[in-house]
Amino acid sequence: MALDKSIMSIFNTAFGDSPEGKAVQARMDAHVSAGLDQALKSGLPATVNWIGIYADMADHFGIDAHLDAVYSKLSAAGYKTNENINDSKIAADKNAMGRYIVGQVMDAVSGADGMEKAPPPASVTVAFAEKYKSMRDKPAVKADVPKR
């Protein structure tokens, strides 16, 4: 079932033109322009945290003007589209999970699925970023597993 782009456009235009929508857009502009560069310099945890905030803000808009900049900056920092997509250890390895999240965002914002205009990252990205933050820095080893 195809999305009715006219309904999405009306919603996004109405929200985007509202005072609340303009405030979210202004915060997103600042978050993208300054925040991503700083997060990338700080490393993967800061980058995933940035992505969670970005995905939450971008969820209010059907189309995001920052997609090319986000993709380019993540790519230049060495992240790869769909990184770790088939890696079975992402559930237990914080680094693998973080790189997976970044790779999924890159896939979403690249428009690689043939969409004329790519949508912002899926809202589920926020939940993945929260899960990432709660993960241990190192994968659990046998000695860390409680006995039954």
C-alpha atoms as a PDB file:
ATOM      1  CA  MET A   1       0.000   0.000   0.000  1.00  0.00           C
ATOM      2  CA  ALA A   2       1.502   3.312  -1.073  1.00  0.00           C
ATOM      3  CA  LEU A   3       1.560   6.256   1.280  1.00  0.00           C
ATOM      4  CA  ASP A   4      -0.735   9.102   0.374  1.00  0.00           C
ATOM      5  CA  LYS A   5       1.860  11.811  -0.144  1.00  0.00           C
ATOM      6  CA  SER A   6      -0.746  14.578  -0.209  1.00  0.00           C
ATOM      7  CA  ILE A   7      -1.876  13.737   3.339  1.00  0.00           C
ATOM      8  CA  MET A   8       1.733  13.511   4.535  1.00  0.00           C
ATOM      9  CA  SER A   9       2.487  16.824   2.849  1.00  0.00           C
ATOM     10  CA  ILE A  10      -0.479  18.566   4.495  1.00  0.00           C
ATOM     11  CA  PHE A  11       0.495  17.241   7.946  1.00  0.00           C
ATOM     12  CA  ASN A  12       4.141  18.111   7.549  1.00  0.00           C
ATOM     13  CA  THR A  13       3.397  21.548   6.117  1.00  0.00           C
ATOM     14  CA  ALA A  14       0.869  22.314   8.853  1.00  0.00           C
ATOM     15  CA  PHE A  15       3.262  21.238  11.605  1.00  0.00           C
ATOM     16  CA  GLY A  16       6.264  22.809   9.902  1.00  0.00           C
ATOM     17  CA  ASP A  17       4.462  26.133   9.593  1.00  0.00           C
ATOM     18  CA  SER A  18       3.279  26.137  13.217  1.00  0.00           C
ATOM     19  CA  PRO A  19       5.267  27.898  15.955  1.00  0.00           C
ATOM     20  CA  GLU A  20       6.055  24.490  17.477  1.00  0.00           C
ATOM     21  CA  GLY A  21       7.211  23.138  14.113  1.00  0.00           C
ATOM     22  CA  LYS A  22       9.420  26.155  13.500  1.00  0.00           C
ATOM     23  CA  ALA A  23      10.955  25.747  16.966  1.00  0.00           C
ATOM     24  CA  VAL A  24      11.697  22.062  16.324  1.00  0.00           C
ATOM     25  CA  GLN A  25      13.186  22.938  12.938  1.00  0.00           C
ATOM     26  CA  ALA A  26      15.405  25.628  14.489  1.00  0.00           C
ATOM     27  CA  ARG A  27      16.646  23.160  17.144  1.00  0.00           C
ATOM     28  CA  MET A  28      17.271  20.565  14.433  1.00  0.00           C
ATOM     29  CA  ASP A  29      19.220  23.080  12.319  1.00  0.00           C
ATOM     30  CA  ALA A  30      21.467  23.873  15.293  1.00  0.00           C
ATOM     31  CA  HIS A  31      21.753  20.186  16.242  1.00  0.00           C
ATOM     32  CA  VAL A  32      22.872  19.219  12.739  1.00  0.00           C
ATOM     33  CA  SER A  33      25.198  22.133  12.066  1.00  0.00           C
ATOM     34  CA  ALA A  34      27.169  22.034  15.303  1.00  0.00           C
ATOM     35  CA  GLY A  35      26.185  18.885  17.111  1.00  0.00           C
ATOM     36  CA  LEU A  36      27.121  16.224  14.559  1.00  0.00           C
ATOM     37  CA  ASP A  37      30.667  17.459  14.067  1.00  0.00           C
ATOM     38  CA  GLN A  38      31.248  17.487  17.825  1.00  0.00           C
ATOM     39  CA  ALA A  39      29.658  14.055  18.269  1.00  0.00           C
ATOM     40  CA  LEU A  40      31.818  12.559  15.537  1.00  0.00           C
ATOM     41  CA  LYS A  41      34.942  13.984  17.174  1.00  0.00           C
ATOM     42  CA  SER A  42      33.869  12.519  20.522  1.00  0.00           C
ATOM     43  CA  GLY A  43      33.352   8.981  19.209  1.00  0.00           C
ATOM     44  CA  LEU A  44      30.686   6.334  18.726  1.00  0.00           C
ATOM     45  CA  PRO A  45      28.739   6.816  21.997  1.00  0.00           C
ATOM     46  CA  ALA A  46      28.328  10.542  21.331  1.00  0.00           C
ATOM     47  CA  THR A  47      27.425   9.845  17.691  1.00  0.00           C
ATOM     48  CA  VAL A  48      24.703   7.353  18.642  1.00  0.00           C
ATOM     49  CA  ASN A  49      23.373   9.781  21.252  1.00  0.00           C
ATOM     50  CA  TRP A  50      23.315  12.513  18.585  1.00  0.00           C
ATOM     51  CA  ILE A  51      21.471  10.172  16.221  1.00  0.00           C
ATOM     52  CA  GLY A  52      18.808   9.420  18.842  1.00  0.00           C
ATOM     53  CA  ILE A  53      18.134  13.122  19.385  1.00  0.00           C
ATOM     54  CA  TYR A  54      18.178  13.828  15.644  1.00  0.00           C
ATOM     55  CA  ALA A  55      15.768  10.966  14.887  1.00  0.00           C
ATOM     56  CA  ASP A  56      13.389  12.181  17.593  1.00  0.00           C
ATOM     57  CA  MET A  57      13.363  15.741  16.212  1.00  0.00           C
ATOM     58  CA  ALA A  58      13.226  14.621  12.568  1.00  0.00           C
ATOM     59  CA  ASP A  59      10.238  12.375  13.297  1.00  0.00           C
ATOM     60  CA  HIS A  60       8.025  15.458  13.037  1.00  0.00           C
ATOM     61  CA  PHE A  61       8.940  16.063   9.395  1.00  0.00           C
ATOM     62  CA  GLY A  62       8.367  13.876   6.335  1.00  0.00           C
ATOM     63  CA  ILE A  63      11.329  15.353   4.486  1.00  0.00           C
ATOM     64  CA  ASP A  64      14.473  16.693   6.121  1.00  0.00           C
ATOM     65  CA  ALA A  65      16.759  19.206   4.439  1.00  0.00           C
ATOM     66  CA  HIS A  66      19.772  17.899   6.378  1.00  0.00           C
ATOM     67  CA  LEU A  67      19.883  14.377   4.955  1.00  0.00           C
ATOM     68  CA  ASP A  68      22.758  14.931   2.529  1.00  0.00           C
ATOM     69  CA  ALA A  69      24.883  16.649   5.174  1.00  0.00           C
ATOM     70  CA  VAL A  70      24.185  13.918   7.741  1.00  0.00           C
ATOM     71  CA  TYR A  71      25.054  11.157   5.279  1.00  0.00           C
ATOM     72  CA  SER A  72      28.202  12.916   4.057  1.00  0.00           C
ATOM     73  CA  LYS A  73      29.519  13.612   7.543  1.00  0.00           C
ATOM     74  CA  LEU A  74      28.873  10.066   8.777  1.00  0.00           C
ATOM     75  CA  SER A  75      30.502   8.623   5.662  1.00  0.00           C
ATOM     76  CA  ALA A  76      33.522  10.918   5.948  1.00  0.00           C
ATOM     77  CA  ALA A  77      33.934   9.759   9.556  1.00  0.00           C
ATOM     78  CA  GLY A  78      34.301   6.179   8.324  1.00  0.00           C
ATOM     79  CA  TYR A  79      30.826   4.785   8.955  1.00  0.00           C
ATOM     80  CA  LYS A  80      29.242   2.573   6.302  1.00  0.00           C
ATOM     81  CA  THR A  81      25.692   2.207   5.067  1.00  0.00           C
ATOM     82  CA  ASN A  82      24.094  -0.961   6.487  1.00  0.00           C
ATOM     83  CA  GLU A  83      27.189  -1.700   8.575  1.00  0.00           C
ATOM     84  CA  ASN A  84      26.832  -4.869  10.675  1.00  0.00           C
ATOM     85  CA  ILE A  85      23.423  -5.596   9.171  1.00  0.00           C
ATOM     86  CA  ASN A  86      24.083  -9.353   9.155  1.00  0.00           C
ATOM     87  CA  ASP A  87      26.200  -9.425  12.306  1.00  0.00           C
ATOM     88  CA  SER A  88      24.676 -11.770  14.861  1.00  0.00           C
ATOM     89  CA  LYS A  89      26.678 -10.224  17.713  1.00  0.00           C
ATOM     90  CA  ILE A  90      25.036  -6.786  17.623  1.00  0.00           C
ATOM     91  CA  ALA A  91      22.708  -7.714  20.487  1.00  0.00           C
ATOM     92  CA  ALA A  92      25.662  -8.357  22.819  1.00  0.00           C
ATOM     93  CA  ASP A  93      28.417  -6.107  21.453  1.00  0.00           C
ATOM     94  CA  LYS A  94      27.967  -2.399  22.117  1.00  0.00           C
ATOM     95  CA  ASN A  95      30.408  -1.304  19.412  1.00  0.00           C
ATOM     96  CA  ALA A  96      28.748  -3.542  16.799  1.00  0.00           C
ATOM     97  CA  MET A  97      25.302  -2.262  17.863  1.00  0.00           C
ATOM     98  CA  GLY A  98      26.397   1.376  17.645  1.00  0.00           C
ATOM     99  CA  ARG A  99      27.872   0.944  14.188  1.00  0.00           C
ATOM    100  CA  TYR A 100      24.714  -0.927  13.133  1.00  0.00           C
ATOM    101  CA  ILE A 101      22.544   2.016  14.264  1.00  0.00           C
ATOM    102  CA  VAL A 102      24.700   4.505  12.369  1.00  0.00           C
ATOM    103  CA  GLY A 103      24.638   2.273   9.278  1.00  0.00           C
ATOM    104  CA  GLN A 104      20.857   2.025   9.388  1.00  0.00           C
ATOM    105  CA  VAL A 105      20.502   5.793   9.640  1.00  0.00           C
ATOM    106  CA  MET A 106      22.852   6.196   6.689  1.00  0.00           C
ATOM    107  CA  ASP A 107      20.716   3.757   4.699  1.00  0.00           C
ATOM    108  CA  ALA A 108      17.543   5.664   5.596  1.00  0.00           C
ATOM    109  CA  VAL A 109      18.863   9.119   4.760  1.00  0.00           C
ATOM    110  CA  SER A 110      20.624   8.038   1.551  1.00  0.00           C
ATOM    111  CA  GLY A 111      17.397   7.364  -0.323  1.00  0.00           C
ATOM    112  CA  ALA A 112      18.972   4.111  -1.527  1.00  0.00           C
ATOM    113  CA  ASP A 113      15.583   2.431  -1.579  1.00  0.00           C
ATOM    114  CA  GLY A 114      14.650   4.395  -4.695  1.00  0.00           C
ATOM    115  CA  MET A 115      12.616   7.130  -3.040  1.00  0.00           C
ATOM    116  CA  GLU A 116      12.883  10.480  -4.771  1.00  0.00           C
ATOM    117  CA  LYS A 117      13.272  12.204  -1.413  1.00  0.00           C
ATOM    118  CA  ALA A 118      14.492  10.157   1.506  1.00  0.00           C
ATOM    119  CA  PRO A 119      12.616  10.337   4.806  1.00  0.00           C
ATOM    120  CA  PRO A 120      14.407  11.117   8.036  1.00  0.00           C
ATOM    121  CA  PRO A 121      15.511   8.154  10.158  1.00  0.00           C
ATOM    122  CA  ALA A 122      12.695   5.950  11.413  1.00  0.00           C
ATOM    123  CA  SER A 123      11.333   6.804  14.853  1.00  0.00           C
ATOM    124  CA  VAL A 124      12.428   3.357  16.091  1.00  0.00           C
ATOM    125  CA  THR A 125      15.978   4.732  15.881  1.00  0.00           C
ATOM    126  CA  VAL A 126      15.325   6.492  19.192  1.00  0.00           C
ATOM    127  CA  ALA A 127      14.619   3.140  20.892  1.00  0.00           C
ATOM    128  CA  PHE A 128      17.754   1.597  19.392  1.00  0.00           C
ATOM    129  CA  ALA A 129      19.850   4.548  20.635  1.00  0.00           C
ATOM    130  CA  GLU A 130      18.380   4.127  24.127  1.00  0.00           C
ATOM    131  CA  LYS A 131      19.124   0.386  24.077  1.00  0.00           C
ATOM    132  CA  TYR A 132      22.678   1.154  22.974  1.00  0.00           C
ATOM    133  CA  LYS A 133      23.166   3.524  25.919  1.00  0.00           C
ATOM    134  CA  SER A 134      22.065   0.819  28.350  1.00  0.00           C
ATOM    135  CA  MET A 135      24.472  -1.802  26.970  1.00  0.00           C
ATOM    136  CA  ARG A 136      27.701  -2.778  28.708  1.00  0.00           C
ATOM    137  CA  ASP A 137      30.879  -1.492  27.110  1.00  0.00           C
ATOM    138  CA  LYS A 138      32.233  -5.014  26.666  1.00  0.00           C
ATOM    139  CA  PRO A 139      30.293  -8.113  25.688  1.00  0.00           C
ATOM    140  CA  ALA A 140      29.340 -10.384  28.554  1.00  0.00           C
ATOM    141  CA  VAL A 141      31.648 -13.309  29.117  1.00  0.00           C
ATOM    142  CA  LYS A 142      30.688 -16.650  30.611  1.00  0.00           C
ATOM    143  CA  ALA A 143      31.800 -15.561  34.105  1.00  0.00           C
ATOM    144  CA  ASP A 144      29.387 -12.585  33.941  1.00  0.00           C
ATOM    145  CA  VAL A 145      26.345 -14.751  33.275  1.00  0.00           C
ATOM    146  CA  PRO A 146      24.412 -15.526  36.453  1.00  0.00           C
ATOM    147  CA  LYS A 147      24.031 -19.235  37.268  1.00  0.00           C
ATOM    148  CA  ARG A 148      20.544 -20.680  37.266  1.00  0.00           C
END
